[in-house]
């Protein structure tokens, strides 16, 4: 089988192929998330973040350290989501599943039920 194509026809097909390739590459560059993993990323003077950034926002599991304490948990679009724990100077704030618990260093424990806080024995949590 002989393949016979003149130069002009070849250049026409090559130009179409090249244009298609450039369009696909351009779409990939525009659509792909700008993701980077950071360690001790300085958010401001009092706050650092370790984890993943997508388009400059906290994403996935990460650690946010502030002058008031440390939050370790899940982020989405720069916001706290799902489970996490905040460790402050005098207390722990724990969110697991749909339960929110605050444990003070003095032994008092509070659990959020519906929209109200209830003190419970520290043995229960």
N, C-alpha and C. Protein backbone atom coordinates (compact mmCIF):
# COMPACT_ATOMS: atom_id res chain seq x y z
N UNK A 1 0.85 -1.17 0.00
CA UNK A 1 0.00 0.00 0.00
C UNK A 1 0.89 1.23 0.00
N UNK A 2 0.66 2.07 -0.95
CA UNK A 2 1.47 3.26 -1.09
C UNK A 2 0.69 4.44 -0.53
N UNK A 3 1.39 5.23 0.28
CA UNK A 3 0.77 6.40 0.86
C UNK A 3 1.32 7.61 0.12
N UNK A 4 0.44 8.30 -0.58
CA UNK A 4 0.89 9.43 -1.39
C UNK A 4 0.11 10.67 -0.98
N UNK A 5 0.83 11.66 -0.45
CA UNK A 5 0.18 12.90 -0.03
C UNK A 5 1.12 14.04 -0.41
N UNK A 6 0.55 15.06 -0.97
CA UNK A 6 1.42 16.18 -1.32
C UNK A 6 1.72 17.03 -0.09
N UNK A 7 2.71 17.86 -0.21
CA UNK A 7 3.20 18.67 0.90
C UNK A 7 2.13 19.62 1.42
N UNK A 8 1.36 20.22 0.55
CA UNK A 8 0.33 21.18 0.95
C UNK A 8 -0.74 20.50 1.81
N UNK A 9 -1.16 19.33 1.40
CA UNK A 9 -2.18 18.58 2.15
C UNK A 9 -1.62 18.18 3.53
N UNK A 10 -0.35 17.74 3.53
CA UNK A 10 0.30 17.36 4.78
C UNK A 10 0.34 18.54 5.75
N UNK A 11 0.72 19.71 5.29
CA UNK A 11 0.80 20.90 6.14
C UNK A 11 -0.58 21.30 6.66
N UNK A 12 -1.60 21.10 5.86
CA UNK A 12 -2.97 21.41 6.29
C UNK A 12 -3.38 20.52 7.46
N UNK A 13 -3.13 19.21 7.34
CA UNK A 13 -3.45 18.28 8.42
C UNK A 13 -2.60 18.55 9.66
N UNK A 14 -1.33 18.84 9.44
CA UNK A 14 -0.42 19.12 10.54
C UNK A 14 -0.85 20.38 11.30
N UNK A 15 -1.29 21.40 10.60
CA UNK A 15 -1.76 22.64 11.23
C UNK A 15 -3.00 22.38 12.07
N UNK A 16 -3.94 21.58 11.53
CA UNK A 16 -5.16 21.25 12.29
C UNK A 16 -4.81 20.45 13.56
N UNK A 17 -3.90 19.50 13.40
CA UNK A 17 -3.48 18.70 14.55
C UNK A 17 -2.81 19.58 15.60
N UNK A 18 -1.92 20.46 15.17
CA UNK A 18 -1.20 21.36 16.09
C UNK A 18 -2.17 22.28 16.82
N UNK A 19 -3.14 22.83 16.10
CA UNK A 19 -4.14 23.70 16.72
C UNK A 19 -4.95 22.94 17.77
N UNK A 20 -5.37 21.73 17.43
CA UNK A 20 -6.11 20.91 18.40
C UNK A 20 -5.29 20.62 19.64
N UNK A 21 -4.01 20.31 19.44
CA UNK A 21 -3.11 20.04 20.56
C UNK A 21 -2.94 21.27 21.44
N UNK A 22 -2.81 22.44 20.84
CA UNK A 22 -2.67 23.68 21.62
C UNK A 22 -3.95 23.98 22.40
N UNK A 23 -5.11 23.73 21.82
CA UNK A 23 -6.38 23.96 22.51
C UNK A 23 -6.49 23.04 23.72
N UNK A 24 -6.18 21.76 23.54
CA UNK A 24 -6.25 20.80 24.65
C UNK A 24 -5.26 21.20 25.75
N UNK A 25 -4.04 21.58 25.39
CA UNK A 25 -3.04 21.98 26.39
C UNK A 25 -3.49 23.25 27.12
N UNK A 26 -4.06 24.20 26.41
CA UNK A 26 -4.56 25.43 27.04
C UNK A 26 -5.69 25.15 28.01
N UNK A 27 -6.60 24.25 27.62
CA UNK A 27 -7.71 23.89 28.52
C UNK A 27 -7.17 23.22 29.78
N UNK A 28 -6.18 22.36 29.62
CA UNK A 28 -5.59 21.67 30.77
C UNK A 28 -4.98 22.68 31.75
N UNK A 29 -4.25 23.64 31.21
CA UNK A 29 -3.61 24.65 32.06
C UNK A 29 -4.64 25.49 32.80
N UNK A 30 -5.74 25.84 32.13
CA UNK A 30 -6.77 26.66 32.76
C UNK A 30 -7.60 25.90 33.77
N UNK A 31 -7.85 24.62 33.50
CA UNK A 31 -8.77 23.84 34.33
C UNK A 31 -8.08 23.17 35.51
N UNK A 32 -6.84 22.74 35.35
CA UNK A 32 -6.19 21.99 36.43
C UNK A 32 -6.07 22.85 37.69
N UNK A 33 -6.32 22.25 38.85
CA UNK A 33 -6.22 23.02 40.09
C UNK A 33 -4.77 23.35 40.40
N UNK A 34 -4.57 24.55 40.87
CA UNK A 34 -3.23 24.98 41.28
C UNK A 34 -3.02 24.50 42.71
N UNK A 35 -2.57 23.26 42.85
CA UNK A 35 -2.42 22.62 44.15
C UNK A 35 -0.95 22.60 44.56
N UNK A 36 -0.72 22.91 45.84
CA UNK A 36 0.63 22.74 46.35
C UNK A 36 0.56 22.37 47.82
N UNK A 37 1.53 21.57 48.25
CA UNK A 37 1.64 21.16 49.64
C UNK A 37 2.58 22.14 50.33
N UNK A 38 2.15 22.64 51.50
CA UNK A 38 2.95 23.64 52.21
C UNK A 38 3.24 23.18 53.63
N UNK A 39 4.34 23.66 54.16
CA UNK A 39 4.72 23.41 55.55
C UNK A 39 5.00 24.76 56.20
N UNK A 40 4.34 25.02 57.30
CA UNK A 40 4.48 26.29 58.03
C UNK A 40 4.27 27.51 57.13
N UNK A 41 3.23 27.43 56.30
CA UNK A 41 2.86 28.54 55.41
C UNK A 41 2.32 29.68 56.26
N UNK A 42 2.94 30.83 56.20
CA UNK A 42 2.56 31.96 57.04
C UNK A 42 1.34 32.66 56.45
N UNK A 43 0.18 32.50 57.11
CA UNK A 43 -1.06 33.14 56.67
C UNK A 43 -1.03 34.61 57.04
N UNK A 44 -0.66 34.89 58.27
CA UNK A 44 -0.42 36.26 58.74
C UNK A 44 0.58 36.18 59.89
N UNK A 45 0.74 37.26 60.62
CA UNK A 45 1.74 37.30 61.69
C UNK A 45 1.51 36.25 62.77
N UNK A 46 0.24 35.94 63.05
CA UNK A 46 -0.09 35.05 64.16
C UNK A 46 -0.58 33.67 63.73
N UNK A 47 -0.50 33.35 62.44
CA UNK A 47 -1.12 32.12 61.97
C UNK A 47 -0.27 31.43 60.91
N UNK A 48 -0.06 30.10 61.08
CA UNK A 48 0.63 29.31 60.06
C UNK A 48 -0.21 28.09 59.72
N UNK A 49 -0.02 27.58 58.51
CA UNK A 49 -0.79 26.43 58.02
C UNK A 49 0.16 25.40 57.43
N UNK A 50 -0.12 24.13 57.72
CA UNK A 50 0.60 23.03 57.11
C UNK A 50 -0.44 22.10 56.50
N UNK A 51 -0.31 21.86 55.21
CA UNK A 51 -1.26 21.01 54.51
C UNK A 51 -1.26 21.34 53.03
N UNK A 52 -2.42 21.19 52.41
CA UNK A 52 -2.54 21.41 50.97
C UNK A 52 -3.28 22.71 50.70
N UNK A 53 -2.80 23.46 49.72
CA UNK A 53 -3.47 24.67 49.24
C UNK A 53 -3.96 24.43 47.82
N UNK A 54 -5.21 24.77 47.55
CA UNK A 54 -5.76 24.72 46.20
C UNK A 54 -6.25 26.11 45.87
N UNK A 55 -5.66 26.72 44.87
CA UNK A 55 -5.97 28.10 44.49
C UNK A 55 -5.86 29.04 45.69
N UNK A 56 -4.85 28.80 46.55
CA UNK A 56 -4.59 29.67 47.69
C UNK A 56 -5.49 29.45 48.89
N UNK A 57 -6.32 28.38 48.87
CA UNK A 57 -7.23 28.11 49.99
C UNK A 57 -6.89 26.75 50.61
N UNK A 58 -7.09 26.63 51.94
CA UNK A 58 -6.83 25.39 52.65
C UNK A 58 -7.74 24.30 52.10
N UNK A 59 -7.17 23.09 51.90
CA UNK A 59 -7.95 21.99 51.34
C UNK A 59 -7.45 20.67 51.90
N UNK A 60 -8.39 19.78 52.26
CA UNK A 60 -8.01 18.47 52.78
C UNK A 60 -7.61 18.54 54.24
N UNK A 61 -6.87 17.54 54.67
CA UNK A 61 -6.44 17.47 56.07
C UNK A 61 -5.26 18.41 56.28
N UNK A 62 -5.32 19.21 57.34
CA UNK A 62 -4.25 20.17 57.59
C UNK A 62 -4.19 20.59 59.04
N UNK A 63 -3.20 21.42 59.34
CA UNK A 63 -2.99 21.94 60.69
C UNK A 63 -2.87 23.46 60.60
N UNK A 64 -3.71 24.15 61.37
CA UNK A 64 -3.69 25.60 61.42
C UNK A 64 -3.27 26.01 62.83
N UNK A 65 -2.13 26.65 62.95
CA UNK A 65 -1.61 27.07 64.25
C UNK A 65 -1.81 28.57 64.41
N UNK A 66 -2.44 28.97 65.54
CA UNK A 66 -2.66 30.38 65.84
C UNK A 66 -2.03 30.69 67.19
N UNK A 67 -2.04 31.95 67.56
CA UNK A 67 -1.50 32.31 68.88
C UNK A 67 -2.40 31.77 70.00
N UNK A 68 -3.67 31.46 69.68
CA UNK A 68 -4.61 30.95 70.68
C UNK A 68 -4.65 29.44 70.78
N UNK A 69 -4.05 28.73 69.82
CA UNK A 69 -4.07 27.28 69.85
C UNK A 69 -3.80 26.68 68.49
N UNK A 70 -4.16 25.40 68.37
CA UNK A 70 -3.85 24.64 67.17
C UNK A 70 -5.08 23.88 66.72
N UNK A 71 -5.45 23.99 65.44
CA UNK A 71 -6.56 23.22 64.88
C UNK A 71 -6.00 22.18 63.94
N UNK A 72 -6.43 20.94 64.12
CA UNK A 72 -6.03 19.87 63.22
C UNK A 72 -7.30 19.20 62.73
N UNK A 73 -7.49 19.20 61.41
CA UNK A 73 -8.69 18.58 60.87
C UNK A 73 -8.84 18.83 59.39
N UNK A 74 -10.09 18.74 58.93
CA UNK A 74 -10.40 18.84 57.51
C UNK A 74 -10.79 20.25 57.11
N UNK A 75 -10.35 20.62 55.92
CA UNK A 75 -10.68 21.92 55.33
C UNK A 75 -11.26 21.69 53.94
N UNK A 76 -12.13 22.59 53.53
CA UNK A 76 -12.63 22.59 52.16
C UNK A 76 -12.86 24.04 51.76
N UNK A 77 -12.24 24.43 50.67
CA UNK A 77 -12.39 25.79 50.15
C UNK A 77 -12.04 26.85 51.21
N UNK A 78 -11.03 26.54 52.03
CA UNK A 78 -10.57 27.49 53.04
C UNK A 78 -11.35 27.50 54.33
N UNK A 79 -12.32 26.58 54.49
CA UNK A 79 -13.17 26.55 55.69
C UNK A 79 -13.04 25.22 56.43
N UNK A 80 -13.33 25.25 57.74
CA UNK A 80 -13.35 24.02 58.53
C UNK A 80 -14.54 23.17 58.09
N UNK A 81 -14.32 21.88 57.86
CA UNK A 81 -15.41 20.96 57.54
C UNK A 81 -15.15 19.62 58.22
N UNK A 82 -16.17 18.83 58.32
CA UNK A 82 -16.08 17.46 58.84
C UNK A 82 -15.46 17.43 60.23
N UNK A 83 -14.56 16.49 60.47
CA UNK A 83 -14.00 16.28 61.80
C UNK A 83 -12.75 17.12 62.03
N UNK A 84 -12.54 17.48 63.30
CA UNK A 84 -11.34 18.22 63.65
C UNK A 84 -11.26 18.46 65.14
N UNK A 85 -10.10 18.92 65.58
CA UNK A 85 -9.89 19.22 66.99
C UNK A 85 -9.12 20.53 67.10
N UNK A 86 -9.58 21.38 68.02
CA UNK A 86 -8.86 22.61 68.33
C UNK A 86 -8.32 22.47 69.74
N UNK A 87 -7.03 22.64 69.89
CA UNK A 87 -6.39 22.54 71.20
C UNK A 87 -5.99 23.94 71.63
N UNK A 88 -6.72 24.46 72.61
CA UNK A 88 -6.44 25.79 73.15
C UNK A 88 -5.65 25.68 74.44
N UNK A 89 -5.36 26.82 75.03
CA UNK A 89 -4.59 26.85 76.27
C UNK A 89 -5.36 26.19 77.42
N UNK A 90 -6.68 26.42 77.48
CA UNK A 90 -7.48 25.93 78.61
C UNK A 90 -8.50 24.86 78.23
N UNK A 91 -8.60 24.50 76.96
CA UNK A 91 -9.66 23.56 76.56
C UNK A 91 -9.33 22.89 75.22
N UNK A 92 -10.10 21.82 74.96
CA UNK A 92 -10.08 21.13 73.68
C UNK A 92 -11.47 21.26 73.07
N UNK A 93 -11.54 21.55 71.78
CA UNK A 93 -12.81 21.59 71.05
C UNK A 93 -12.73 20.46 70.04
N UNK A 94 -13.61 19.47 70.17
CA UNK A 94 -13.53 18.27 69.34
C UNK A 94 -14.82 18.12 68.53
N UNK A 95 -14.69 17.99 67.22
CA UNK A 95 -15.85 17.70 66.36
C UNK A 95 -15.59 16.37 65.68
N UNK A 96 -16.42 15.40 65.99
CA UNK A 96 -16.31 14.08 65.40
C UNK A 96 -17.69 13.64 64.98
N UNK A 97 -17.82 13.30 63.72
CA UNK A 97 -19.10 12.98 63.11
C UNK A 97 -20.02 14.19 63.32
N UNK A 98 -21.15 14.02 63.98
CA UNK A 98 -22.05 15.16 64.21
C UNK A 98 -22.02 15.63 65.66
N UNK A 99 -21.03 15.17 66.43
CA UNK A 99 -20.94 15.51 67.85
C UNK A 99 -19.85 16.54 68.08
N UNK A 100 -20.19 17.58 68.85
CA UNK A 100 -19.21 18.60 69.22
C UNK A 100 -19.04 18.54 70.73
N UNK A 101 -17.79 18.43 71.17
CA UNK A 101 -17.47 18.32 72.59
C UNK A 101 -16.41 19.35 72.95
N UNK A 102 -16.59 19.98 74.11
CA UNK A 102 -15.56 20.87 74.64
C UNK A 102 -15.11 20.30 75.98
N UNK A 103 -13.81 20.05 76.09
CA UNK A 103 -13.23 19.52 77.32
C UNK A 103 -12.29 20.58 77.89
N UNK A 104 -12.63 21.07 79.08
CA UNK A 104 -11.78 22.05 79.76
C UNK A 104 -10.71 21.34 80.58
N UNK A 105 -9.60 21.99 80.77
CA UNK A 105 -8.50 21.41 81.54
C UNK A 105 -8.88 21.17 83.00
N UNK A 106 -9.89 21.90 83.51
CA UNK A 106 -10.33 21.71 84.90
C UNK A 106 -11.24 20.50 85.06
N UNK A 107 -11.50 19.75 83.97
CA UNK A 107 -12.29 18.53 84.05
C UNK A 107 -13.72 18.65 83.56
N UNK A 108 -14.22 19.86 83.38
CA UNK A 108 -15.60 20.03 82.91
C UNK A 108 -15.68 19.67 81.42
N UNK A 109 -16.79 19.00 81.07
CA UNK A 109 -17.00 18.57 79.69
C UNK A 109 -18.40 18.98 79.25
N UNK A 110 -18.49 19.57 78.08
CA UNK A 110 -19.77 19.99 77.51
C UNK A 110 -19.94 19.35 76.14
N UNK A 111 -21.17 18.91 75.87
CA UNK A 111 -21.51 18.31 74.58
C UNK A 111 -22.65 19.10 73.98
N UNK A 112 -22.56 19.37 72.69
CA UNK A 112 -23.63 20.10 72.01
C UNK A 112 -24.66 19.10 71.51
N UNK A 113 -25.89 19.27 71.99
CA UNK A 113 -27.01 18.43 71.57
C UNK A 113 -28.03 19.33 70.91
N UNK A 114 -28.31 19.05 69.67
CA UNK A 114 -29.17 19.90 68.85
C UNK A 114 -28.55 21.29 68.82
N UNK A 115 -29.16 22.30 69.38
CA UNK A 115 -28.56 23.64 69.39
C UNK A 115 -28.21 24.12 70.79
N UNK A 116 -28.15 23.18 71.76
CA UNK A 116 -27.88 23.56 73.14
C UNK A 116 -26.68 22.79 73.68
N UNK A 117 -25.96 23.44 74.60
CA UNK A 117 -24.83 22.81 75.25
C UNK A 117 -25.27 22.15 76.55
N UNK A 118 -24.76 20.95 76.82
CA UNK A 118 -25.12 20.21 78.02
C UNK A 118 -23.83 19.74 78.69
N UNK A 119 -23.73 19.99 80.01
CA UNK A 119 -22.56 19.50 80.74
C UNK A 119 -22.75 18.03 81.04
N UNK A 120 -21.70 17.25 80.82
CA UNK A 120 -21.75 15.81 81.06
C UNK A 120 -20.58 15.43 81.96
N UNK A 121 -20.68 14.23 82.56
CA UNK A 121 -19.56 13.73 83.36
C UNK A 121 -18.38 13.46 82.43
N UNK A 122 -17.19 13.71 82.92
CA UNK A 122 -16.01 13.49 82.08
C UNK A 122 -15.83 12.01 81.74
N UNK A 123 -16.47 11.11 82.52
CA UNK A 123 -16.39 9.67 82.23
C UNK A 123 -17.17 9.31 80.97
N UNK A 124 -18.22 10.08 80.66
CA UNK A 124 -19.06 9.79 79.50
C UNK A 124 -18.33 10.07 78.19
N UNK A 125 -17.36 10.97 78.22
CA UNK A 125 -16.60 11.30 77.00
C UNK A 125 -15.18 11.03 77.21
